[in-house]
Amino acid sequence: MEKVNRPLRIALTKGRLEKDTVGLLEKIGYDCAAVRDKGRRLILPVGDTIEVVLAKAADVITYVENGVCDMGVVGKDTIMEMNGKFFEIADLGFGKCRFALAGKKGTDFYSGYNVKTIATKYPNVSRSFFEKKGMDVDIVKIEGSVELAPLLGLADAIVDIVETGTTLKENGLEVFEDISPISARLIVNMVSLKMRQQEIESLIKLIEENLN
């Protein structure tokens, strides 16, 4: 692990969570002009004491877990799917949506005794959900529009992130059951919290005091 003679490094999930986190950092007094005018840069200064690393959600966890970033902001969906060794410190309250089980409208998903096929981008979340129900399912990993799977007859249902439900409705699908709420979480590397305890705890306190 790097020596700690560098700014506190925070990995942010690109996109909406990045924008919401930047807004939060500005609210607590940090200058995020470099992040707002980032161009193609991926490592950016926030004042003199913090630098932000922009990454995909799964990579945020990887960077924090391996200690090259001290902290990270990532969705609970990615945390649930990947697990990992880090501290989940705070629910930031933005990026709200939910995991849901969904399928063709009017389908009685839980009827019958045949093994159901589930299409999803989140096989670990799906497997855990059905294991708790004592159900044996076949899981098909889909990278793109998972809504296609039941429409094409590939799967009996899907496990996916639902925000408004509009995409489901427009494709003749409906939510059968909500699985878990999702929102942005603040995570911290275990070693960083020991080595840079005062810096990190001060920042966490500021963040928590300014959550809506």
Protein backbone atom coordinates (compact mmCIF):
# COMPACT_ATOMS: atom_id res chain seq x y z
CA MET A 1 0.00 0.00 0.00
CA GLU A 2 1.14 3.52 -0.76
CA LYS A 3 2.48 5.75 1.97
CA VAL A 4 -0.07 8.22 3.23
CA ASN A 5 1.82 11.35 2.14
CA ARG A 6 -0.78 12.06 -0.53
CA PRO A 7 -4.22 13.65 -0.48
CA LEU A 8 -7.11 11.60 0.82
CA ARG A 9 -8.28 9.67 -2.23
CA ILE A 10 -11.99 9.08 -2.88
CA ALA A 11 -13.25 6.87 -5.72
CA LEU A 12 -16.56 8.03 -7.18
CA THR A 13 -18.90 6.03 -9.38
CA LYS A 14 -19.13 7.85 -12.72
CA GLY A 15 -22.45 9.40 -13.70
CA ARG A 16 -25.32 10.29 -11.41
CA LEU A 17 -23.61 9.25 -8.17
CA GLU A 18 -20.56 11.29 -9.17
CA LYS A 19 -22.69 14.41 -9.66
CA ASP A 20 -24.59 13.93 -6.42
CA THR A 21 -21.37 13.33 -4.47
CA VAL A 22 -19.75 16.43 -5.96
CA GLY A 23 -22.82 18.41 -4.89
CA LEU A 24 -22.43 17.03 -1.36
CA LEU A 25 -18.71 17.87 -1.24
CA GLU A 26 -19.45 21.41 -2.39
CA LYS A 27 -22.14 21.70 0.26
CA ILE A 28 -19.58 20.98 2.97
CA GLY A 29 -17.18 23.56 1.55
CA TYR A 30 -14.87 21.79 -0.93
CA ASP A 31 -13.89 23.35 -4.26
CA CYS A 32 -14.96 20.83 -6.92
CA ALA A 33 -14.34 23.06 -9.96
CA ALA A 34 -11.74 20.63 -11.36
CA VAL A 35 -14.24 17.75 -11.20
CA ARG A 36 -16.99 19.76 -12.85
CA ASP A 37 -14.60 20.74 -15.65
CA LYS A 38 -12.78 17.42 -15.82
CA GLY A 39 -12.50 16.86 -19.57
CA ARG A 40 -11.08 13.35 -19.92
CA ARG A 41 -9.10 13.38 -16.68
CA LEU A 42 -9.88 10.63 -14.20
CA ILE A 43 -7.93 11.79 -11.12
CA LEU A 44 -8.83 15.30 -10.01
CA PRO A 45 -8.03 17.57 -7.05
CA VAL A 46 -10.74 18.69 -4.66
CA GLY A 47 -9.13 21.50 -2.68
CA ASP A 48 -5.68 20.75 -1.26
CA THR A 49 -6.49 17.71 0.87
CA ILE A 50 -8.62 15.43 -1.33
CA GLU A 51 -8.38 13.94 -4.78
CA VAL A 52 -11.22 12.25 -6.59
CA VAL A 53 -10.84 9.15 -8.78
CA LEU A 54 -13.64 8.56 -11.32
CA ALA A 55 -14.37 4.90 -12.00
CA LYS A 56 -17.05 2.36 -12.85
CA ALA A 57 -19.01 1.07 -9.88
CA ALA A 58 -17.34 -2.33 -9.62
CA ASP A 59 -13.89 -0.71 -9.89
CA VAL A 60 -14.70 1.69 -7.02
CA ILE A 61 -14.99 -1.34 -4.75
CA THR A 62 -11.79 -2.88 -6.16
CA TYR A 63 -9.79 0.33 -5.64
CA VAL A 64 -11.07 0.83 -2.07
CA GLU A 65 -10.66 -2.83 -1.12
CA ASN A 66 -7.06 -2.83 -2.33
CA GLY A 67 -6.21 0.46 -0.61
CA VAL A 68 -5.25 2.56 -3.64
CA CYS A 69 -8.29 4.69 -2.75
CA ASP A 70 -9.09 5.42 0.88
CA MET A 71 -12.83 5.92 0.45
CA GLY A 72 -15.48 5.40 -2.20
CA VAL A 73 -19.06 6.19 -3.15
CA VAL A 74 -20.90 3.29 -4.76
CA GLY A 75 -24.42 1.93 -5.02
CA LYS A 76 -25.67 -0.68 -2.58
CA ASP A 77 -26.47 -2.86 -5.62
CA THR A 78 -22.76 -3.20 -6.44
CA ILE A 79 -21.90 -3.86 -2.79
CA MET A 80 -24.53 -6.62 -2.59
CA GLU A 81 -23.32 -8.23 -5.80
CA MET A 82 -19.56 -8.02 -5.15
CA ASN A 83 -19.27 -8.09 -1.36
CA GLY A 84 -15.64 -7.31 -0.49
CA LYS A 85 -13.56 -6.34 2.54
CA PHE A 86 -14.19 -2.71 3.51
CA PHE A 87 -16.28 -0.70 5.94
CA GLU A 88 -19.70 0.47 4.77
CA ILE A 89 -19.92 3.72 6.70
CA ALA A 90 -23.00 5.69 5.66
CA ASP A 91 -26.13 5.68 3.52
CA LEU A 92 -25.83 8.90 1.51
CA GLY A 93 -29.52 8.91 0.65
CA PHE A 94 -29.23 9.60 -3.07
CA GLY A 95 -29.30 7.26 -6.07
CA LYS A 96 -32.41 5.61 -4.64
CA CYS A 97 -33.98 2.67 -6.46
CA ARG A 98 -34.62 -0.99 -5.64
CA PHE A 99 -33.90 -4.56 -6.63
CA ALA A 100 -37.06 -6.28 -7.81
CA LEU A 101 -38.26 -9.58 -9.22
CA ALA A 102 -40.30 -8.92 -12.36
CA GLY A 103 -41.79 -10.72 -15.33
CA LYS A 104 -44.64 -10.81 -17.83
CA LYS A 105 -47.73 -9.04 -16.60
CA GLY A 106 -50.36 -11.41 -15.23
CA THR A 107 -47.93 -14.29 -14.71
CA ASP A 108 -48.25 -16.32 -11.50
CA PHE A 109 -44.52 -16.72 -10.98
CA TYR A 110 -44.67 -18.83 -7.83
CA SER A 111 -47.13 -21.41 -9.21
CA GLY A 112 -46.00 -24.89 -10.22
CA TYR A 113 -43.03 -26.98 -9.17
CA ASN A 114 -40.74 -26.60 -12.18
CA VAL A 115 -37.34 -24.96 -11.71
CA LYS A 116 -37.64 -21.31 -12.74
CA THR A 117 -35.11 -19.55 -14.96
CA ILE A 118 -34.06 -16.07 -13.86
CA ALA A 119 -32.26 -13.58 -16.12
CA THR A 120 -30.19 -10.90 -14.41
CA LYS A 121 -27.08 -8.75 -14.37
CA TYR A 122 -26.78 -9.63 -10.68
CA PRO A 123 -26.40 -13.42 -10.28
CA ASN A 124 -25.12 -13.28 -6.68
CA VAL A 125 -27.99 -11.07 -5.50
CA SER A 126 -30.48 -13.30 -7.33
CA ARG A 127 -29.03 -16.53 -5.97
CA SER A 128 -29.07 -15.20 -2.41
CA PHE A 129 -32.69 -14.04 -2.73
CA PHE A 130 -33.96 -17.40 -3.94
CA GLU A 131 -31.82 -19.39 -1.50
CA LYS A 132 -33.56 -17.55 1.36
CA LYS A 133 -36.87 -18.66 -0.14
CA GLY A 134 -35.64 -22.23 -0.42
CA MET A 135 -36.13 -22.13 -4.20
CA ASP A 136 -33.87 -23.81 -6.74
CA VAL A 137 -33.51 -21.61 -9.84
CA ASP A 138 -31.42 -21.51 -12.99
CA ILE A 139 -29.69 -18.14 -13.43
CA VAL A 140 -28.80 -16.69 -16.81
CA LYS A 141 -26.38 -13.73 -16.80
CA ILE A 142 -27.44 -10.91 -19.12
CA GLU A 143 -25.26 -7.88 -19.87
CA GLY A 144 -27.71 -5.69 -21.78
CA SER A 145 -31.46 -5.08 -21.55
CA VAL A 146 -32.53 -7.83 -19.20
CA GLU A 147 -36.21 -7.07 -19.95
CA LEU A 148 -35.81 -8.95 -23.24
CA ALA A 149 -35.28 -12.33 -21.55
CA PRO A 150 -38.90 -13.07 -20.51
CA LEU A 151 -40.23 -11.53 -23.74
CA LEU A 152 -38.10 -13.91 -25.81
CA GLY A 153 -38.91 -16.91 -23.64
CA LEU A 154 -35.38 -17.21 -22.25
CA ALA A 155 -36.44 -16.71 -18.63
CA ASP A 156 -39.52 -16.93 -16.40
CA ALA A 157 -38.58 -13.69 -14.66
CA ILE A 158 -35.81 -11.15 -14.12
CA VAL A 159 -34.04 -9.67 -11.13
CA ASP A 160 -33.08 -6.10 -11.90
CA ILE A 161 -32.83 -2.55 -10.60
CA VAL A 162 -36.12 -0.68 -10.78
CA GLU A 163 -36.43 3.08 -10.33
CA THR A 164 -39.76 4.19 -11.77
CA GLY A 165 -40.93 0.95 -13.38
CA THR A 166 -41.59 2.72 -16.70
CA THR A 167 -39.33 0.42 -18.76
CA LEU A 168 -41.08 -2.63 -17.31
CA LYS A 169 -44.55 -1.27 -18.10
CA GLU A 170 -43.61 -0.27 -21.63
CA ASN A 171 -42.45 -3.86 -22.26
CA GLY A 172 -45.49 -5.59 -20.76
CA LEU A 173 -43.70 -6.54 -17.54
CA GLU A 174 -44.54 -5.91 -13.90
CA VAL A 175 -42.88 -6.19 -10.50
CA PHE A 176 -43.74 -9.44 -8.72
CA GLU A 177 -41.83 -8.66 -5.53
CA ASP A 178 -39.44 -6.03 -4.17
CA ILE A 179 -36.15 -7.51 -3.02
CA SER A 180 -34.11 -4.72 -1.45
CA PRO A 181 -33.87 -0.91 -1.42
CA ILE A 182 -30.74 0.58 -2.98
CA SER A 183 -28.95 3.90 -2.52
CA ALA A 184 -25.44 5.34 -2.62
CA ARG A 185 -23.13 4.25 0.20
CA LEU A 186 -19.87 5.62 1.56
CA ILE A 187 -17.24 2.91 1.94
CA VAL A 188 -13.78 3.08 3.54
CA ASN A 189 -10.67 0.95 3.25
CA MET A 190 -9.97 -0.91 6.52
CA VAL A 191 -6.28 0.00 6.72
CA SER A 192 -6.86 3.62 5.67
CA LEU A 193 -9.31 4.07 8.54
CA LYS A 194 -6.50 3.13 10.96
CA MET A 195 -3.68 5.02 9.22
CA ARG A 196 -5.68 8.18 8.45
CA GLN A 197 -8.29 7.96 11.16
CA GLN A 198 -8.50 11.65 12.04
CA GLU A 199 -8.78 12.84 8.41
CA ILE A 200 -11.35 10.23 7.46
CA GLU A 201 -13.48 10.54 10.57
CA SER A 202 -13.53 14.35 10.24
CA LEU A 203 -14.72 14.05 6.64
CA ILE A 204 -17.33 11.42 7.55
CA LYS A 205 -18.66 13.69 10.31
CA LEU A 206 -18.97 16.61 7.86
CA ILE A 207 -20.72 14.42 5.31
CA GLU A 208 -23.18 12.97 7.83
CA GLU A 209 -24.01 16.45 9.17
CA ASN A 210 -24.89 17.62 5.65
CA LEU A 211 -27.02 14.75 4.42
CA ASN A 212 -30.53 15.79 3.44
